[in-house]
Amino acid sequence: MSKYYIGLISGTSMDAIDAVLASFPEGGCEIHATHSHAMSEETLAALRHLVAHPKEAGLHRLGMLDTALGREFAAAALALIDSSKVSPD
């Protein structure tokens, strides 16, 4: 049984979360699926506000944004798995 790995990244442009499903057979890398996941407008607005006004970043605001980003990354991973036709098991 192959082991699969999911890679997730969002660059500084904050335009999307890019996801890849890969395996690493002996001596190589195999890409099985990719997915680009658009973030919600609400999360994007909060991120852009934080970048523009970093001094307004209190612990509560950062915690809320961290939770929202976690949900966005989870949605990207689940969409990748769904589109890959690979069992999540």
C-alpha atoms as a PDB file:
ATOM      1  CA  MET A   1       0.000   0.000   0.000  1.00  0.00           C
ATOM      2  CA  SER A   2       1.365   3.408  -0.998  1.00  0.00           C
ATOM      3  CA  LYS A   3       1.756   6.175   1.531  1.00  0.00           C
ATOM      4  CA  TYR A   4       0.324   9.479   0.385  1.00  0.00           C
ATOM      5  CA  TYR A   5       1.231  12.911   1.649  1.00  0.00           C
ATOM      6  CA  ILE A   6      -0.658  16.187   1.386  1.00  0.00           C
ATOM      7  CA  GLY A   7       1.200  19.459   0.987  1.00  0.00           C
ATOM      8  CA  LEU A   8      -0.606  22.762   1.617  1.00  0.00           C
ATOM      9  CA  ILE A   9       0.643  26.302   1.072  1.00  0.00           C
ATOM     10  CA  SER A  10      -0.680  29.813   0.741  1.00  0.00           C
ATOM     11  CA  GLY A  11       1.797  32.334  -0.571  1.00  0.00           C
ATOM     12  CA  THR A  12       2.180  35.997   0.230  1.00  0.00           C
ATOM     13  CA  SER A  13      -0.291  36.891  -2.535  1.00  0.00           C
ATOM     14  CA  MET A  14      -3.014  35.182  -0.453  1.00  0.00           C
ATOM     15  CA  ASP A  15      -4.917  34.374  -3.647  1.00  0.00           C
ATOM     16  CA  ALA A  16      -5.566  30.711  -2.786  1.00  0.00           C
ATOM     17  CA  ILE A  17      -4.414  27.652  -0.896  1.00  0.00           C
ATOM     18  CA  ASP A  18      -2.512  25.289  -3.169  1.00  0.00           C
ATOM     19  CA  ALA A  19      -2.713  21.602  -2.329  1.00  0.00           C
ATOM     20  CA  VAL A  20      -0.881  18.572  -3.669  1.00  0.00           C
ATOM     21  CA  LEU A  21      -1.269  14.843  -3.057  1.00  0.00           C
ATOM     22  CA  ALA A  22       2.027  13.046  -3.561  1.00  0.00           C
ATOM     23  CA  SER A  23       3.829   9.800  -2.881  1.00  0.00           C
ATOM     24  CA  PHE A  24       7.539   9.173  -2.746  1.00  0.00           C
ATOM     25  CA  PRO A  25       8.444   5.842  -4.308  1.00  0.00           C
ATOM     26  CA  GLU A  26      12.077   4.730  -4.201  1.00  0.00           C
ATOM     27  CA  GLY A  27      14.159   7.476  -5.745  1.00  0.00           C
ATOM     28  CA  GLY A  28      11.388   9.825  -6.806  1.00  0.00           C
ATOM     29  CA  CYS A  29       8.221  11.784  -6.304  1.00  0.00           C
ATOM     30  CA  GLU A  30       4.834  11.091  -7.865  1.00  0.00           C
ATOM     31  CA  ILE A  31       2.123  13.761  -7.995  1.00  0.00           C
ATOM     32  CA  HIS A  32      -1.360  12.209  -7.843  1.00  0.00           C
ATOM     33  CA  ALA A  33      -3.551  15.305  -7.679  1.00  0.00           C
ATOM     34  CA  THR A  34      -3.457  19.074  -7.235  1.00  0.00           C
ATOM     35  CA  HIS A  35      -6.085  21.559  -6.146  1.00  0.00           C
ATOM     36  CA  SER A  36      -6.270  25.333  -5.820  1.00  0.00           C
ATOM     37  CA  HIS A  37      -8.723  26.383  -3.114  1.00  0.00           C
ATOM     38  CA  ALA A  38     -10.019  29.956  -3.001  1.00  0.00           C
ATOM     39  CA  MET A  39     -10.270  31.335   0.521  1.00  0.00           C
ATOM     40  CA  SER A  40     -13.510  32.860   1.731  1.00  0.00           C
ATOM     41  CA  GLU A  41     -13.886  36.607   1.310  1.00  0.00           C
ATOM     42  CA  GLU A  42     -14.254  36.969   5.081  1.00  0.00           C
ATOM     43  CA  THR A  43     -10.928  35.231   5.781  1.00  0.00           C
ATOM     44  CA  LEU A  44      -9.174  37.163   3.012  1.00  0.00           C
ATOM     45  CA  ALA A  45     -10.476  40.467   4.346  1.00  0.00           C
ATOM     46  CA  ALA A  46      -9.263  39.599   7.857  1.00  0.00           C
ATOM     47  CA  LEU A  47      -5.816  38.633   6.547  1.00  0.00           C
ATOM     48  CA  ARG A  48      -5.497  41.788   4.480  1.00  0.00           C
ATOM     49  CA  HIS A  49      -6.574  43.907   7.452  1.00  0.00           C
ATOM     50  CA  LEU A  50      -3.941  42.226   9.632  1.00  0.00           C
ATOM     51  CA  VAL A  51      -1.211  42.887   7.058  1.00  0.00           C
ATOM     52  CA  ALA A  52      -2.255  46.523   6.670  1.00  0.00           C
ATOM     53  CA  HIS A  53      -2.732  47.149  10.417  1.00  0.00           C
ATOM     54  CA  PRO A  54      -0.426  44.781  12.343  1.00  0.00           C
ATOM     55  CA  LYS A  55      -0.603  46.861  15.540  1.00  0.00           C
ATOM     56  CA  GLU A  56      -4.316  46.055  15.778  1.00  0.00           C
ATOM     57  CA  ALA A  57      -3.562  42.331  16.038  1.00  0.00           C
ATOM     58  CA  GLY A  58      -4.635  41.385  19.531  1.00  0.00           C
ATOM     59  CA  LEU A  59      -4.540  37.858  20.874  1.00  0.00           C
ATOM     60  CA  HIS A  60      -8.280  37.341  20.353  1.00  0.00           C
ATOM     61  CA  ARG A  61      -8.166  38.536  16.726  1.00  0.00           C
ATOM     62  CA  LEU A  62      -5.128  36.360  15.970  1.00  0.00           C
ATOM     63  CA  GLY A  63      -6.816  33.342  17.550  1.00  0.00           C
ATOM     64  CA  MET A  64      -9.970  33.845  15.502  1.00  0.00           C
ATOM     65  CA  LEU A  65      -7.952  34.217  12.291  1.00  0.00           C
ATOM     66  CA  ASP A  66      -5.851  31.162  13.134  1.00  0.00           C
ATOM     67  CA  THR A  67      -9.046  29.115  13.530  1.00  0.00           C
ATOM     68  CA  ALA A  68     -10.489  30.454  10.261  1.00  0.00           C
ATOM     69  CA  LEU A  69      -7.270  29.636   8.392  1.00  0.00           C
ATOM     70  CA  GLY A  70      -7.246  26.139   9.889  1.00  0.00           C
ATOM     71  CA  ARG A  71     -10.731  25.576   8.523  1.00  0.00           C
ATOM     72  CA  GLU A  72      -9.691  26.920   5.101  1.00  0.00           C
ATOM     73  CA  PHE A  73      -6.677  24.581   4.974  1.00  0.00           C
ATOM     74  CA  ALA A  74      -8.842  21.640   6.065  1.00  0.00           C
ATOM     75  CA  ALA A  75     -11.354  22.429   3.302  1.00  0.00           C
ATOM     76  CA  ALA A  76      -8.519  22.541   0.764  1.00  0.00           C
ATOM     77  CA  ALA A  77      -7.215  19.147   1.924  1.00  0.00           C
ATOM     78  CA  LEU A  78     -10.685  17.570   1.830  1.00  0.00           C
ATOM     79  CA  ALA A  79     -11.372  18.968  -1.663  1.00  0.00           C
ATOM     80  CA  LEU A  80      -8.017  17.586  -2.831  1.00  0.00           C
ATOM     81  CA  ILE A  81      -8.794  14.141  -1.438  1.00  0.00           C
ATOM     82  CA  ASP A  82     -12.257  14.207  -3.000  1.00  0.00           C
ATOM     83  CA  SER A  83     -10.927  15.154  -6.439  1.00  0.00           C
ATOM     84  CA  SER A  84      -8.072  12.637  -6.321  1.00  0.00           C
ATOM     85  CA  LYS A  85     -10.172   9.449  -6.251  1.00  0.00           C
ATOM     86  CA  VAL A  86      -7.767   8.167  -3.573  1.00  0.00           C
ATOM     87  CA  SER A  87      -9.375   6.749  -0.462  1.00  0.00           C
ATOM     88  CA  PRO A  88      -8.927   9.020   2.580  1.00  0.00           C
ATOM     89  CA  ASP A  89      -7.980   5.893   4.532  1.00  0.00           C
END
